[in-house]
Amino acid sequence: MTNTTLMIVAIVVVLAVAAVVWIYMARRRQQRLRARFGTEYERTVHAVGTPARAATILADREKRVAAYHIRQLNPDERTRFSDAWRRVQVKFVDDPSAAVTEADQLVTEVMTTRGYPMKDFEQRAEDLSVDHGHVVNHYRAAREIAARHSRHDATTEDLRQALVHYRALFADLLDEQPHDAVRRSA
């Protein structure tokens, strides 16, 4: 073999190795994002069209949320919020509509207390997806049902589902384990 042939073979090998490494790194990044963001990863890929664009958007979210001062709830706050949630659940029996409204307000209060900025809903959901990606879909579903309810287009069963969805997010924000009913409906 001539030097030129050896040079060409070496370049091809280097390019092939570089391509394999690039593919491997891209897959690892996708796996990390899927693990961190849960269903929000697939939702973002679908919305923007490619995994690479989704990865950029999700990385930007991570940077934005890292700049916030998100904190854990102290034991007194956790107890107060848990007690408030129990009252919301009891209220559902007599007034499902008011219970769902209060559940939304309670989730918002927990998020505010923890340090999440309360901009528009989509911004809140995106921010939540960084640390609560596996339950942010519950938040979106609950808000969708609440919006239908405001148009008088939701049944009592829909409102029950909204409460279940809010409960999944609420439990995660409080760092509680969700009840079996929430796990079954997820």
Protein backbone atom coordinates (compact mmCIF):
# COMPACT_ATOMS: atom_id res chain seq x y z
CA MET A 1 0.00 0.00 0.00
CA THR A 2 1.11 3.47 -0.74
CA ASN A 3 1.27 6.32 1.71
CA THR A 4 -1.75 7.91 0.04
CA THR A 5 -3.79 4.74 0.45
CA LEU A 6 -2.77 4.42 4.11
CA MET A 7 -3.68 8.06 4.69
CA ILE A 8 -7.13 7.55 3.13
CA VAL A 9 -7.75 4.40 5.19
CA ALA A 10 -6.67 6.22 8.36
CA ILE A 11 -8.99 9.16 7.62
CA VAL A 12 -11.91 6.80 6.95
CA VAL A 13 -11.24 4.93 10.20
CA VAL A 14 -11.00 8.17 12.18
CA LEU A 15 -14.26 9.43 10.64
CA ALA A 16 -15.99 6.12 11.37
CA VAL A 17 -14.83 6.17 14.99
CA ALA A 18 -15.91 9.80 15.33
CA ALA A 19 -19.35 8.94 13.92
CA VAL A 20 -19.76 6.01 16.34
CA VAL A 21 -18.74 8.19 19.29
CA TRP A 22 -21.12 10.96 18.19
CA ILE A 23 -24.03 8.49 17.87
CA TYR A 24 -23.21 6.98 21.27
CA MET A 25 -23.08 10.40 22.95
CA ALA A 26 -26.35 11.47 21.31
CA ARG A 27 -28.09 8.33 22.57
CA ARG A 28 -26.73 8.81 26.08
CA ARG A 29 -27.98 12.39 26.07
CA GLN A 30 -31.44 11.23 24.93
CA GLN A 31 -31.52 8.57 27.66
CA ARG A 32 -30.52 11.13 30.30
CA LEU A 33 -33.18 13.55 29.11
CA ARG A 34 -35.86 10.83 29.01
CA ALA A 35 -34.94 9.81 32.55
CA ARG A 36 -35.01 13.38 33.85
CA PHE A 37 -37.97 14.80 31.94
CA GLY A 38 -40.17 11.72 31.57
CA THR A 39 -43.07 12.22 29.18
CA GLU A 40 -42.10 15.88 28.79
CA TYR A 41 -39.12 14.77 26.69
CA GLU A 42 -41.34 13.06 24.11
CA ARG A 43 -43.80 15.96 24.21
CA THR A 44 -40.99 18.42 23.47
CA VAL A 45 -39.54 16.28 20.67
CA HIS A 46 -43.00 16.09 19.11
CA ALA A 47 -43.49 19.85 19.47
CA VAL A 48 -40.15 20.89 17.94
CA GLY A 49 -39.57 18.05 15.50
CA THR A 50 -36.14 16.66 16.36
CA PRO A 51 -34.41 15.20 19.42
CA ALA A 52 -31.50 17.61 18.96
CA ARG A 53 -33.75 20.70 19.08
CA ALA A 54 -35.65 19.24 22.03
CA ALA A 55 -32.36 18.61 23.86
CA THR A 56 -31.38 22.25 23.38
CA ILE A 57 -34.73 23.48 24.68
CA LEU A 58 -34.64 21.16 27.69
CA ALA A 59 -31.06 22.17 28.48
CA ASP A 60 -32.18 25.82 28.41
CA ARG A 61 -34.96 24.94 30.88
CA GLU A 62 -32.44 23.27 33.16
CA LYS A 63 -30.26 26.40 33.13
CA ARG A 64 -33.24 28.69 33.79
CA VAL A 65 -34.50 26.58 36.71
CA ALA A 66 -30.98 26.25 38.15
CA ALA A 67 -30.99 30.04 38.58
CA TYR A 68 -34.14 29.89 40.74
CA HIS A 69 -33.96 29.45 44.48
CA ILE A 70 -36.05 26.29 44.70
CA ARG A 71 -36.16 24.88 48.20
CA GLN A 72 -37.66 21.97 50.09
CA LEU A 73 -40.60 22.59 52.37
CA ASN A 74 -39.91 22.60 56.06
CA PRO A 75 -41.86 20.11 58.24
CA ASP A 76 -44.38 22.74 59.40
CA GLU A 77 -45.12 23.80 55.82
CA ARG A 78 -45.43 20.20 54.72
CA THR A 79 -47.92 19.51 57.53
CA ARG A 80 -49.92 22.65 56.78
CA PHE A 81 -50.15 21.83 53.08
CA SER A 82 -51.00 18.17 53.75
CA ASP A 83 -53.81 19.26 56.07
CA ALA A 84 -55.07 21.69 53.44
CA TRP A 85 -55.06 18.91 50.85
CA ARG A 86 -57.13 16.66 53.10
CA ARG A 87 -59.70 19.47 53.38
CA VAL A 88 -59.79 19.78 49.58
CA GLN A 89 -60.44 16.06 49.23
CA VAL A 90 -63.25 16.16 51.80
CA LYS A 91 -64.77 19.17 50.05
CA PHE A 92 -64.94 17.24 46.78
CA VAL A 93 -67.85 15.16 48.10
CA ASP A 94 -70.13 18.18 48.50
CA ASP A 95 -68.67 20.61 45.97
CA PRO A 96 -66.43 19.04 43.29
CA SER A 97 -66.09 22.31 41.38
CA ALA A 98 -64.84 24.28 44.36
CA ALA A 99 -62.53 21.42 45.38
CA VAL A 100 -60.82 21.43 41.97
CA THR A 101 -60.43 25.22 42.10
CA GLU A 102 -58.92 24.96 45.59
CA ALA A 103 -56.63 22.12 44.49
CA ASP A 104 -55.26 24.32 41.71
CA GLN A 105 -54.76 27.19 44.15
CA LEU A 106 -53.08 24.89 46.68
CA VAL A 107 -50.67 23.49 44.08
CA THR A 108 -49.86 27.06 43.05
CA GLU A 109 -49.25 28.02 46.69
CA VAL A 110 -46.90 25.07 47.21
CA MET A 111 -44.98 25.98 44.06
CA THR A 112 -44.71 29.60 45.17
CA THR A 113 -43.53 28.59 48.64
CA ARG A 114 -40.90 26.32 47.14
CA GLY A 115 -39.61 29.19 44.98
CA TYR A 116 -41.05 28.59 41.52
CA PRO A 117 -41.90 31.79 39.66
CA MET A 118 -45.58 32.02 38.88
CA LYS A 119 -45.63 33.31 35.34
CA ASP A 120 -48.07 31.92 32.81
CA PHE A 121 -49.16 28.29 33.02
CA GLU A 122 -46.92 27.02 30.23
CA GLN A 123 -43.84 28.58 31.87
CA ARG A 124 -44.78 26.94 35.20
CA ALA A 125 -45.24 23.55 33.53
CA GLU A 126 -41.89 23.87 31.74
CA ASP A 127 -40.16 24.85 34.98
CA LEU A 128 -41.75 21.95 36.82
CA SER A 129 -40.65 19.54 34.10
CA VAL A 130 -37.01 19.98 35.12
CA ASP A 131 -37.39 18.40 38.57
CA HIS A 132 -40.86 16.86 38.31
CA GLY A 133 -40.89 15.60 34.73
CA HIS A 134 -42.63 12.36 35.59
CA VAL A 135 -45.69 14.20 36.97
CA VAL A 136 -45.87 17.41 34.94
CA ASN A 137 -48.23 15.62 32.55
CA HIS A 138 -50.66 15.37 35.49
CA TYR A 139 -50.49 19.14 35.91
CA ARG A 140 -51.22 19.70 32.25
CA ALA A 141 -54.13 17.23 32.33
CA ALA A 142 -55.63 18.80 35.47
CA ARG A 143 -55.42 22.28 33.98
CA GLU A 144 -57.02 21.09 30.74
CA ILE A 145 -59.95 19.64 32.68
CA ALA A 146 -60.23 22.82 34.76
CA ALA A 147 -60.35 24.86 31.54
CA ARG A 148 -63.12 22.64 30.17
CA HIS A 149 -64.94 23.01 33.47
CA SER A 150 -64.79 26.81 33.19
CA ARG A 151 -66.62 26.38 29.86
CA HIS A 152 -69.18 24.11 31.60
CA ASP A 153 -67.88 21.16 29.62
CA ALA A 154 -66.64 18.82 32.37
CA THR A 155 -68.48 16.10 34.23
CA THR A 156 -68.10 15.21 37.89
CA GLU A 157 -65.95 12.28 36.78
CA ASP A 158 -63.75 14.71 34.85
CA LEU A 159 -63.41 16.82 38.00
CA ARG A 160 -62.49 13.71 39.99
CA GLN A 161 -59.78 12.97 37.44
CA ALA A 162 -58.53 16.56 37.72
CA LEU A 163 -58.26 16.13 41.48
CA VAL A 164 -56.32 12.86 41.01
CA HIS A 165 -53.96 14.65 38.62
CA TYR A 166 -53.46 17.56 41.01
CA ARG A 167 -52.80 15.06 43.81
CA ALA A 168 -49.98 13.40 41.84
CA LEU A 169 -48.20 16.73 41.39
CA PHE A 170 -49.00 17.87 44.91
CA ALA A 171 -47.50 14.70 46.42
CA ASP A 172 -44.36 15.09 44.34
CA LEU A 173 -43.97 18.74 45.30
CA LEU A 174 -44.29 17.74 48.97
CA ASP A 175 -41.90 14.82 48.35
CA GLU A 176 -44.59 12.39 49.43
CA GLN A 177 -45.34 9.05 47.86
CA PRO A 178 -48.62 9.21 45.94
CA HIS A 179 -51.55 7.10 47.14
CA ASP A 180 -52.30 3.84 45.34
CA ALA A 181 -55.25 5.43 43.54
CA VAL A 182 -52.96 7.98 41.95
CA ARG A 183 -50.46 5.31 40.90
CA ARG A 184 -53.21 3.23 39.28
CA SER A 185 -54.56 6.19 37.30
CA ALA A 186 -51.18 7.39 36.06
